[in-house]
Every structure is written in structure tokens, then in C-alpha cells.
């Protein structure tokens, strides 16, 4: 028995095995994301998820935790198991295992590796597309930006337009991946960033917008770059508590707005219809204001009324969701958290984000704050981060690597 304990201790504390297991699993998860962004349909995706789960679980078993931390991990895995039994999806079990397995992994080192793999993968997709080898370079269709009055109520056909995808299936996907890579790159090399590097990224952002026409991606990336640049040029902001309190306020507003949209979507749709046909929304100022916001976010709110059951609206939420909720998709990410995974897992995910924000505040990590806030805002209107693909959501890695006072940023990596 002593020999087994000694061997286990050496494997856990002295050998490179835990890190090898983690990076093997992370590599596969990142490659799954890259394949998903291409036009290729991955026939073995489910099997690969099982492989990465086993790799992260093995890393978890070779990680030092206190008994209280083990109890918390087991409790969260229990929540994941209930979700699996109810929905048939093992997303939460995989996410909990991944976050727990991040303990002991230097954050910037892991994110730098994530940046390189994702960047090379995206460039490969672009290269294959522009050379005509694989993947469409553009997509011609109606993009849903015409007023609802002409398309939904009158039934006019929206004119099609051509936008560039560079092999990523949809212009919004190309814009999204640029934002994600910009956020990763700025965070990893934040200490070396200069104003002219932000200007260069801003020019690239304009170029991506000209290709994709994605206003949301362009605006989110612009605000992110401006916020990160401000943190770089006015370093004392990183030490000021009110800046982090502002981030908390924005995060809570994002959650509140999303819940409000899920409650009022049908009323917003009815008010817009009434306003068009009888020149009176026949509802209160709150609904009218939501309707005005909805026009600026391409009808994200009324899109919750597109199905027969109004999937996504709050009456379709339940404690642990249901199997039927796994296959219906819409863009509002925070609404999707509660609709797809259930109210209880949704609340736990919100609390996990708040715990991450608390750790970011304690470490006075200004760039992480900007990423956290912009990801929260982006998730109001897009669901990129809320999916079965662990490699999409970099906040999960932050949660795990920040999970103890011993966690290291390793900024020199």
C-alpha cells in the first residue's frame, strides 16, 4: 500500500503526466471547435468528447485538493449527473471535470497554447477556402436585417446579399473567431501591448467588418480593444475597486435583461405588431423600450417566439431542462443557459461567473475584467460561449486556473 501511495504521490507531484493529460485533452477540444467552424461534419465528435472527459478526469485524479474541495467537486458532478439523466446530455459533467482539472495549470501558459492552436486552425480554414481547396469563401442569403414590419407582418421577401465567410460557414462565425482570438492574444501578451498594437487590431477589426457585415462582432471587438487599451495606458485603473464594481453591475444587467426578454418576448412582438398596424403599441413604456432595443439587436427578443411553443421564453424553463431543449437553437446566450441546461444549473453558472469576477478583483487583473465584461455582453445576443464545446469558453479555463490562492498567472510564459 505504501508503495502505491508513493507512486501516486510521485505521479501527481513530480511527473509531467498530469500536465500531459490536460494538454492532450485541451488539444482535442480545441481541434473539435476548429472542425465545427469549418464546413466539415465531424462524425466522431461524441466519441472524442468521451476521450477528452477521460483525459481530464485522469488529470483531476492526479490533482491535489482538500477534502472540502473534493466534496464540492463531487456535489457539482452530482448536479451534472442529474442533468445527464434528465436531458441525456453530459455537457455539465464534462464542464465540471474540465474546470476542476485546470487546477495547477498556469493560466497564461494555457491560454497562450489555446491561442496558437486556435489561430493556426483558423488560418488553415481560411487558406483552404481562399485557395478553393475546401470550404466556401462567401455566403449569399438574406441576413435578417430588414425591418420586421416588411418581412414578418407584410411577408415581403428580404433581398439576399453576399458576405464573406472564408470557410467558416457564416459571416458571424468569422467575426466571432476574430473577436475570440483578439481577446486571447491581448490577454496573453497584455504586459507587452502598446497603443499602436491596439490600433493595428482595430484596423483588422474594420477589415473583418467590411468582409462580414457583422455589426455585433465589430462593436464588441471595438469596445473590448478600447477597454484593454485604457487599462494599458492608464494602469492605475487596474487598482481601482470602482472599475470592478462597474464590471459587476454590467454583468448583473446582462442577466437581468436576458431574463426580462424571456419573460416579455411575446408582449414585445405583439406591441411591435400593434404599433405597425394600429399606430399604438397598446402596452406600457417598458415593453416599448424593449421593442426599440430589439430592433437594434436584429430581433433577438422576438426570435424567442419563432417556435410553436415559444422555446426560450421563461415558461419553457425548468429546474433541469428537458431532452427536447437540447436541439432547439437561438442566439441569446444567457437565455440559452437557463433554457438548455435548466434554472438550477443556470444559477450555478451565474454564481461561478461571480466567483471568477471576485478572484479577478482580488488579483486586480484589469485585462481579465475587460474580457469578462465583454463576454457577458456578447452572450446577451450570441450563444458562442454557451455550448457543448468546452474549447469555445475561455472563462471556464479562468475559473479552474483561478480556483485557489496558489494559482499562478505565469505572465512570463
Protein backbone atom coordinates (compact mmCIF):
# COMPACT_ATOMS: atom_id res chain seq x y z
CA UNK A 1 0.00 0.00 0.00
CA UNK A 2 2.82 2.41 0.86
CA UNK A 3 4.44 1.73 -2.49
CA UNK A 4 1.20 2.57 -4.28
CA UNK A 5 0.84 5.79 -2.27
CA UNK A 6 4.43 6.77 -3.02
CA UNK A 7 3.96 6.03 -6.72
CA UNK A 8 0.75 8.06 -6.78
CA UNK A 9 2.49 10.95 -5.00
CA UNK A 10 5.35 10.96 -7.49
CA UNK A 11 2.99 10.84 -10.47
CA UNK A 12 0.91 13.68 -9.04
CA UNK A 13 3.65 16.00 -7.78
CA UNK A 14 6.81 15.17 -9.72
CA UNK A 15 5.95 13.70 -13.10
CA UNK A 16 4.81 15.57 -16.23
CA UNK A 17 1.87 13.16 -16.60
CA UNK A 18 -0.86 15.44 -15.17
CA UNK A 19 0.11 18.30 -17.49
CA UNK A 20 0.40 15.90 -20.44
CA UNK A 21 -3.10 14.58 -19.77
CA UNK A 22 -4.51 18.10 -19.52
CA UNK A 23 -2.93 19.43 -22.69
CA UNK A 24 -3.86 16.28 -24.63
CA UNK A 25 -7.49 16.78 -23.70
CA UNK A 26 -7.34 20.54 -24.37
CA UNK A 27 -5.80 19.97 -27.80
CA UNK A 28 -8.59 17.62 -28.83
CA UNK A 29 -11.26 20.05 -27.55
CA UNK A 30 -9.71 22.93 -29.49
CA UNK A 31 -9.49 20.85 -32.66
CA UNK A 32 -13.17 19.92 -32.24
CA UNK A 33 -14.02 23.64 -32.15
CA UNK A 34 -11.95 24.32 -35.26
CA UNK A 35 -13.58 21.47 -37.17
CA UNK A 36 -17.00 22.73 -36.05
CA UNK A 37 -16.20 26.17 -37.51
CA UNK A 38 -15.35 24.62 -40.87
CA UNK A 39 -17.80 23.08 -43.33
CA UNK A 40 -16.81 19.55 -42.30
CA UNK A 41 -19.28 17.46 -40.30
CA UNK A 42 -17.41 15.57 -37.61
CA UNK A 43 -18.84 12.02 -37.47
CA UNK A 44 -16.92 11.02 -34.32
CA UNK A 45 -17.50 14.15 -32.24
CA UNK A 46 -19.32 12.24 -29.49
CA UNK A 47 -16.51 9.70 -29.16
CA UNK A 48 -13.94 12.50 -28.96
CA UNK A 49 -15.90 14.10 -26.11
CA UNK A 50 -15.62 10.82 -24.21
CA UNK A 51 -11.88 10.71 -24.80
CA UNK A 52 -11.38 14.27 -23.54
CA UNK A 53 -13.57 13.56 -20.50
CA UNK A 54 -11.38 10.58 -19.60
CA UNK A 55 -8.21 12.64 -20.05
CA UNK A 56 -9.48 15.47 -17.86
CA UNK A 57 -10.82 13.00 -15.29
CA UNK A 58 -7.39 11.35 -15.10
CA UNK A 59 -5.78 14.78 -14.65
CA UNK A 60 -8.33 15.56 -11.92
CA UNK A 61 -7.45 12.37 -10.06
CA UNK A 62 -3.78 13.44 -10.18
CA UNK A 63 -4.52 16.88 -8.72
CA UNK A 64 -4.10 17.89 -5.09
CA UNK A 65 -7.37 19.10 -3.50
CA UNK A 66 -8.52 19.42 0.11
CA UNK A 67 -11.35 17.16 1.28
CA UNK A 68 -13.73 20.15 1.26
CA UNK A 69 -12.80 20.86 -2.35
CA UNK A 70 -13.30 17.21 -3.26
CA UNK A 71 -16.73 17.33 -1.62
CA UNK A 72 -17.64 20.41 -3.67
CA UNK A 73 -16.42 18.78 -6.90
CA UNK A 74 -18.45 15.64 -6.15
CA UNK A 75 -21.51 17.82 -5.44
CA UNK A 76 -21.15 19.61 -8.78
CA UNK A 77 -20.63 16.30 -10.58
CA UNK A 78 -23.85 15.17 -8.91
CA UNK A 79 -25.65 18.16 -10.43
CA UNK A 80 -24.14 17.19 -13.77
CA UNK A 81 -25.32 13.60 -13.35
CA UNK A 82 -28.89 14.75 -12.63
CA UNK A 83 -28.73 16.93 -15.75
CA UNK A 84 -27.49 13.96 -17.76
CA UNK A 85 -30.32 11.75 -16.53
CA UNK A 86 -32.92 14.42 -17.35
CA UNK A 87 -31.61 15.72 -20.67
CA UNK A 88 -29.43 12.90 -21.98
CA UNK A 89 -26.58 15.41 -22.46
CA UNK A 90 -23.37 15.11 -20.43
CA UNK A 91 -22.23 18.72 -21.00
CA UNK A 92 -22.25 19.72 -17.32
CA UNK A 93 -20.32 16.63 -16.20
CA UNK A 94 -17.66 17.39 -18.82
CA UNK A 95 -17.52 21.08 -17.91
CA UNK A 96 -17.18 20.43 -14.16
CA UNK A 97 -14.42 17.88 -14.79
CA UNK A 98 -12.57 20.25 -17.10
CA UNK A 99 -12.74 23.21 -14.70
CA UNK A 100 -11.54 21.05 -11.81
CA UNK A 101 -8.72 19.62 -13.94
CA UNK A 102 -7.40 23.14 -14.62
CA UNK A 103 -6.02 23.35 -11.05
CA UNK A 104 -2.26 23.74 -11.14
CA UNK A 105 -2.12 24.79 -14.79
CA UNK A 106 -0.61 28.30 -15.29
CA UNK A 107 -3.38 30.42 -16.80
CA UNK A 108 -1.42 32.47 -19.31
CA UNK A 109 0.51 29.43 -20.42
CA UNK A 110 -2.72 27.53 -21.11
CA UNK A 111 -4.32 30.50 -22.87
CA UNK A 112 -1.20 31.06 -24.98
CA UNK A 113 -1.36 27.43 -26.10
CA UNK A 114 -5.08 27.88 -26.80
CA UNK A 115 -4.33 30.98 -28.88
CA UNK A 116 -1.70 29.26 -31.02
CA UNK A 117 -3.80 26.16 -31.73
CA UNK A 118 -6.93 28.21 -32.48
CA UNK A 119 -5.05 30.73 -34.63
CA UNK A 120 -3.32 28.04 -36.70
CA UNK A 121 -6.60 26.16 -37.11
CA UNK A 122 -8.49 29.26 -38.24
CA UNK A 123 -5.73 30.23 -40.67
CA UNK A 124 -5.85 26.70 -42.11
CA UNK A 125 -9.61 27.04 -42.69
CA UNK A 126 -9.10 30.43 -44.36
CA UNK A 127 -6.25 29.15 -46.54
CA UNK A 128 -8.24 26.13 -47.71
CA UNK A 129 -11.17 28.40 -48.54
CA UNK A 130 -9.38 31.16 -50.47
CA UNK A 131 -7.39 28.62 -52.49
CA UNK A 132 -10.60 26.81 -53.45
CA UNK A 133 -9.48 23.51 -51.91
CA UNK A 134 -12.23 23.20 -49.29
CA UNK A 135 -14.95 25.44 -47.92
CA UNK A 136 -16.98 28.27 -49.39
CA UNK A 137 -15.38 31.70 -49.39
CA UNK A 138 -18.70 33.58 -49.24
CA UNK A 139 -22.38 33.08 -48.48
CA UNK A 140 -25.27 34.68 -50.35
CA UNK A 141 -28.56 34.83 -48.48
CA UNK A 142 -30.94 37.14 -46.60
CA UNK A 143 -29.38 38.01 -43.24
CA UNK A 144 -32.49 39.10 -41.37
CA UNK A 145 -31.69 42.79 -41.06
CA UNK A 146 -34.80 44.05 -42.84
CA UNK A 147 -37.49 45.58 -40.57
CA UNK A 148 -39.91 43.07 -39.07
CA UNK A 149 -42.79 45.11 -40.47
CA UNK A 150 -41.88 44.23 -44.04
CA UNK A 151 -40.72 40.64 -43.56
CA UNK A 152 -42.86 39.19 -40.76
CA UNK A 153 -46.04 41.25 -40.86
CA UNK A 154 -46.38 42.00 -44.58
CA UNK A 155 -44.44 38.97 -45.80
CA UNK A 156 -42.10 40.68 -48.25
CA UNK A 157 -39.03 38.69 -49.26
CA UNK A 158 -35.82 40.19 -47.92
CA UNK A 159 -33.17 40.81 -50.56
CA UNK A 160 -30.20 38.45 -50.50
CA UNK A 161 -26.67 39.78 -50.15
CA UNK A 162 -23.21 38.27 -50.35
CA UNK A 163 -20.90 38.31 -47.34
CA UNK A 164 -17.59 36.58 -46.80
CA UNK A 165 -17.15 33.56 -44.55
CA UNK A 166 -13.60 32.48 -45.55
CA UNK A 167 -14.52 28.85 -44.96
CA UNK A 168 -16.25 29.30 -41.58
CA UNK A 169 -19.79 28.68 -42.75
CA UNK A 170 -21.30 32.03 -41.74
CA UNK A 171 -20.01 35.63 -41.65
CA UNK A 172 -20.89 35.92 -37.96
CA UNK A 173 -18.69 32.90 -37.23
CA UNK A 174 -15.72 34.61 -38.90
CA UNK A 175 -16.35 37.81 -36.94
CA UNK A 176 -16.79 35.84 -33.72
CA UNK A 177 -13.50 33.98 -34.10
CA UNK A 178 -11.66 37.23 -34.76
CA UNK A 179 -13.06 38.63 -31.50
CA UNK A 180 -12.09 35.48 -29.59
CA UNK A 181 -8.55 35.47 -30.98
CA UNK A 182 -8.16 39.20 -30.29
CA UNK A 183 -9.29 38.68 -26.69
CA UNK A 184 -6.92 35.74 -26.21
CA UNK A 185 -3.95 37.50 -27.80
CA UNK A 186 -4.40 40.73 -25.85
CA UNK A 187 -4.71 38.86 -22.55
CA UNK A 188 -1.69 36.63 -23.12
CA UNK A 189 0.58 39.49 -24.18
CA UNK A 190 -1.12 42.23 -22.18
CA UNK A 191 2.08 43.37 -20.46
CA UNK A 192 3.70 43.96 -23.85
CA UNK A 193 0.77 45.70 -25.53
CA UNK A 194 1.26 49.25 -26.87
CA UNK A 195 -1.25 51.73 -28.26
CA UNK A 196 -0.13 51.11 -31.83
CA UNK A 197 -0.79 47.38 -31.46
CA UNK A 198 -4.35 48.16 -30.41
CA UNK A 199 -4.63 50.47 -33.43
CA UNK A 200 -3.44 47.64 -35.69
CA UNK A 201 -6.04 45.27 -34.22
CA UNK A 202 -8.69 47.95 -34.65
CA UNK A 203 -7.83 48.25 -38.34
CA UNK A 204 -8.08 44.47 -38.68
CA UNK A 205 -11.44 44.67 -36.94
CA UNK A 206 -12.66 47.18 -39.54
CA UNK A 207 -11.42 44.86 -42.28
CA UNK A 208 -13.31 41.90 -40.81
CA UNK A 209 -16.43 44.05 -40.62
CA UNK A 210 -16.12 45.00 -44.30
CA UNK A 211 -15.93 41.29 -45.13
CA UNK A 212 -18.69 40.05 -42.86
CA UNK A 213 -21.03 42.99 -42.25
CA UNK A 214 -21.32 41.76 -38.64
CA UNK A 215 -22.15 44.87 -36.61
CA UNK A 216 -22.35 43.00 -33.30
CA UNK A 217 -18.91 41.43 -33.69
CA UNK A 218 -17.38 44.71 -34.80
CA UNK A 219 -18.87 46.73 -31.93
CA UNK A 220 -17.99 44.16 -29.27
CA UNK A 221 -14.40 43.88 -30.54
CA UNK A 222 -14.09 47.66 -30.73
CA UNK A 223 -15.26 48.20 -27.15
CA UNK A 224 -13.00 45.37 -25.95
CA UNK A 225 -9.93 46.87 -27.64
CA UNK A 226 -10.76 50.32 -26.27
CA UNK A 227 -11.20 48.94 -22.75
CA UNK A 228 -7.98 46.91 -22.87
CA UNK A 229 -6.09 49.89 -24.31
CA UNK A 230 -7.39 52.08 -21.49
CA UNK A 231 -6.17 49.52 -18.94
CA UNK A 232 -2.77 49.54 -20.65
CA UNK A 233 -2.37 53.31 -20.92
CA UNK A 234 -3.91 54.22 -17.54
CA UNK A 235 -2.52 51.46 -15.35
CA UNK A 236 -3.90 52.91 -12.12
CA UNK A 237 -7.37 51.93 -13.32
CA UNK A 238 -6.44 48.30 -12.67
CA UNK A 239 -6.08 49.09 -8.96
CA UNK A 240 -9.37 50.97 -8.55
CA UNK A 241 -12.16 48.97 -6.95
CA UNK A 242 -14.95 51.01 -8.57
CA UNK A 243 -13.86 49.71 -12.01
CA UNK A 244 -14.53 46.13 -10.88
CA UNK A 245 -17.82 47.18 -9.27
CA UNK A 246 -18.77 48.63 -12.65
CA UNK A 247 -17.99 45.26 -14.23
CA UNK A 248 -20.24 43.56 -11.69
CA UNK A 249 -23.06 45.99 -12.49
CA UNK A 250 -22.77 45.34 -16.24
CA UNK A 251 -22.78 41.58 -15.65
CA UNK A 252 -25.91 41.75 -13.49
CA UNK A 253 -27.64 43.98 -16.05
CA UNK A 254 -26.87 41.41 -18.77
CA UNK A 255 -28.53 38.66 -16.73
CA UNK A 256 -31.49 40.87 -15.80
CA UNK A 257 -32.06 41.98 -19.39
CA UNK A 258 -31.94 38.39 -20.65
CA UNK A 259 -34.46 37.18 -18.07
CA UNK A 260 -36.66 40.18 -18.85
CA UNK A 261 -36.51 39.34 -22.56
CA UNK A 262 -37.51 35.74 -21.85
CA UNK A 263 -40.49 36.95 -19.82
CA UNK A 264 -41.70 39.64 -22.24
CA UNK A 265 -40.83 38.34 -25.73
CA UNK A 266 -44.43 37.67 -26.78
CA UNK A 267 -45.59 41.05 -25.49
CA UNK A 268 -42.76 42.75 -27.38
CA UNK A 269 -43.81 41.01 -30.58
CA UNK A 270 -47.47 41.95 -30.05
CA UNK A 271 -46.54 45.56 -29.29
CA UNK A 272 -44.47 45.82 -32.47
CA UNK A 273 -47.37 44.37 -34.46
CA UNK A 274 -49.84 46.80 -32.89
CA UNK A 275 -47.52 49.74 -33.44
CA UNK A 276 -47.25 48.92 -37.13
CA UNK A 277 -50.92 48.20 -37.84
CA UNK A 278 -52.80 50.48 -35.42
CA UNK A 279 -50.03 53.05 -34.66
CA UNK A 280 -50.26 52.22 -30.96
CA UNK A 281 -48.21 49.52 -29.17
CA UNK A 282 -51.06 49.10 -26.67
CA UNK A 283 -48.59 48.29 -23.90
CA UNK A 284 -46.51 50.12 -21.30
CA UNK A 285 -43.24 52.04 -21.69
CA UNK A 286 -41.19 49.07 -20.52
CA UNK A 287 -42.37 46.88 -23.41
CA UNK A 288 -41.98 49.74 -25.87
CA UNK A 289 -38.38 50.23 -24.70
CA UNK A 290 -37.66 46.51 -25.11
CA UNK A 291 -39.10 46.69 -28.61
CA UNK A 292 -36.78 49.55 -29.52
CA UNK A 293 -33.80 47.63 -28.17
CA UNK A 294 -34.93 44.55 -30.09
CA UNK A 295 -34.79 46.46 -33.37
CA UNK A 296 -31.11 47.25 -32.69
CA UNK A 297 -30.20 43.63 -31.92
CA UNK A 298 -31.75 42.17 -35.08
CA UNK A 299 -34.91 40.86 -33.46
CA UNK A 300 -33.18 38.64 -30.90
CA UNK A 301 -36.03 39.07 -28.40
CA UNK A 302 -38.93 38.29 -30.72
CA UNK A 303 -36.93 35.35 -32.11
CA UNK A 304 -37.88 33.60 -28.87
CA UNK A 305 -41.41 33.42 -30.26
CA UNK A 306 -40.42 31.69 -33.51
CA UNK A 307 -41.41 28.18 -32.45
CA UNK A 308 -44.87 26.80 -31.77
CA UNK A 309 -44.10 26.60 -28.03
CA UNK A 310 -42.15 29.89 -27.91
CA UNK A 311 -39.00 27.97 -26.93
CA UNK A 312 -36.64 30.11 -24.90
CA UNK A 313 -39.36 32.12 -23.18
CA UNK A 314 -39.45 31.68 -19.43
CA UNK A 315 -42.41 29.28 -19.40
CA UNK A 316 -40.19 26.76 -21.25
CA UNK A 317 -37.57 26.86 -18.49
CA UNK A 318 -37.49 24.18 -15.80
CA UNK A 319 -35.27 23.10 -12.93
CA UNK A 320 -33.06 20.80 -15.03
CA UNK A 321 -34.43 21.45 -18.52
CA UNK A 322 -35.55 18.51 -20.69
CA UNK A 323 -34.32 16.36 -23.55
CA UNK A 324 -36.39 18.38 -26.04
CA UNK A 325 -34.48 21.56 -25.14
CA UNK A 326 -31.18 20.16 -26.37
CA UNK A 327 -31.91 20.54 -30.07
CA UNK A 328 -33.51 23.98 -30.43
CA UNK A 329 -31.16 26.88 -31.11
CA UNK A 330 -31.41 30.65 -30.80
CA UNK A 331 -28.90 33.46 -30.37
CA UNK A 332 -29.50 34.82 -26.85
CA UNK A 333 -26.75 33.11 -24.86
CA UNK A 334 -27.86 33.82 -21.29
CA UNK A 335 -31.40 32.74 -22.13
CA UNK A 336 -29.93 29.59 -23.64
CA UNK A 337 -28.13 28.80 -20.35
CA UNK A 338 -31.42 28.55 -18.48
CA UNK A 339 -33.42 27.04 -21.35
CA UNK A 340 -30.90 24.38 -22.39
CA UNK A 341 -29.46 23.38 -19.01
CA UNK A 342 -32.17 24.39 -16.55
CA UNK A 343 -32.68 27.04 -13.89
CA UNK A 344 -30.59 25.32 -11.21
CA UNK A 345 -27.50 24.74 -13.43
CA UNK A 346 -28.06 28.24 -14.86
CA UNK A 347 -27.94 29.83 -11.41
CA UNK A 348 -24.84 27.81 -10.55
CA UNK A 349 -23.15 29.03 -13.74
CA UNK A 350 -24.01 32.64 -12.88
CA UNK A 351 -22.57 32.11 -9.38
CA UNK A 352 -19.42 30.59 -10.90
CA UNK A 353 -19.03 33.72 -13.02
CA UNK A 354 -19.48 35.91 -9.95
CA UNK A 355 -16.83 33.86 -8.12
CA UNK A 356 -14.48 34.35 -11.08
CA UNK A 357 -15.14 38.10 -11.02
CA UNK A 358 -14.33 38.14 -7.30
CA UNK A 359 -10.97 36.47 -7.94
CA UNK A 360 -10.25 38.84 -10.84
CA UNK A 361 -10.99 41.73 -8.48
CA UNK A 362 -8.71 40.37 -5.75
CA UNK A 363 -5.87 39.98 -8.25
CA UNK A 364 -6.62 43.37 -9.85
CA UNK A 365 -6.42 41.71 -13.27
CA UNK A 366 -7.69 44.58 -15.42
CA UNK A 367 -7.47 42.80 -18.78
CA UNK A 368 -9.34 39.78 -17.41
CA UNK A 369 -12.06 42.18 -16.22
CA UNK A 370 -12.45 43.64 -19.73
CA UNK A 371 -12.69 40.13 -21.21
CA UNK A 372 -15.19 39.06 -18.55
CA UNK A 373 -17.44 42.06 -19.14
CA UNK A 374 -17.34 41.88 -22.93
CA UNK A 375 -18.01 38.13 -22.90
CA UNK A 376 -21.02 38.81 -20.65
CA UNK A 377 -22.35 41.46 -23.04
CA UNK A 378 -21.64 39.31 -26.11
CA UNK A 379 -23.51 36.39 -24.55
CA UNK A 380 -26.67 38.51 -24.30
CA UNK A 381 -27.05 38.39 -28.10
CA UNK A 382 -24.85 35.44 -29.15
CA UNK A 383 -24.58 31.89 -27.79
CA UNK A 384 -20.99 31.11 -28.89
CA UNK A 385 -19.78 30.57 -25.33
CA UNK A 386 -22.83 28.51 -24.28
CA UNK A 387 -22.47 25.16 -25.96
CA UNK A 388 -21.17 21.64 -25.61
CA UNK A 389 -17.78 22.83 -26.94
CA UNK A 390 -15.53 23.42 -23.94
CA UNK A 391 -12.80 24.89 -26.16
CA UNK A 392 -15.04 27.87 -27.00
CA UNK A 393 -15.42 29.25 -23.48
CA UNK A 394 -12.13 30.60 -22.15
CA UNK A 395 -13.84 31.70 -18.93
CA UNK A 396 -14.02 28.03 -17.92
CA UNK A 397 -10.24 27.84 -18.01
CA UNK A 398 -10.02 31.03 -15.98
CA UNK A 399 -12.42 29.59 -13.38
CA UNK A 400 -10.28 26.49 -12.99
CA UNK A 401 -6.87 28.13 -13.03
CA UNK A 402 -8.06 30.83 -10.60
CA UNK A 403 -9.57 28.20 -8.29
CA UNK A 404 -7.08 28.66 -5.46
CA UNK A 405 -4.72 31.18 -3.99
CA UNK A 406 -1.88 29.03 -5.32
CA UNK A 407 -2.96 29.52 -8.93
CA UNK A 408 -0.29 31.29 -10.99
CA UNK A 409 -0.77 33.62 -13.92
CA UNK A 410 2.74 32.86 -15.12
CA UNK A 411 2.88 36.05 -17.17
CA UNK A 412 6.37 35.25 -18.36
CA UNK A 413 5.30 32.06 -20.11
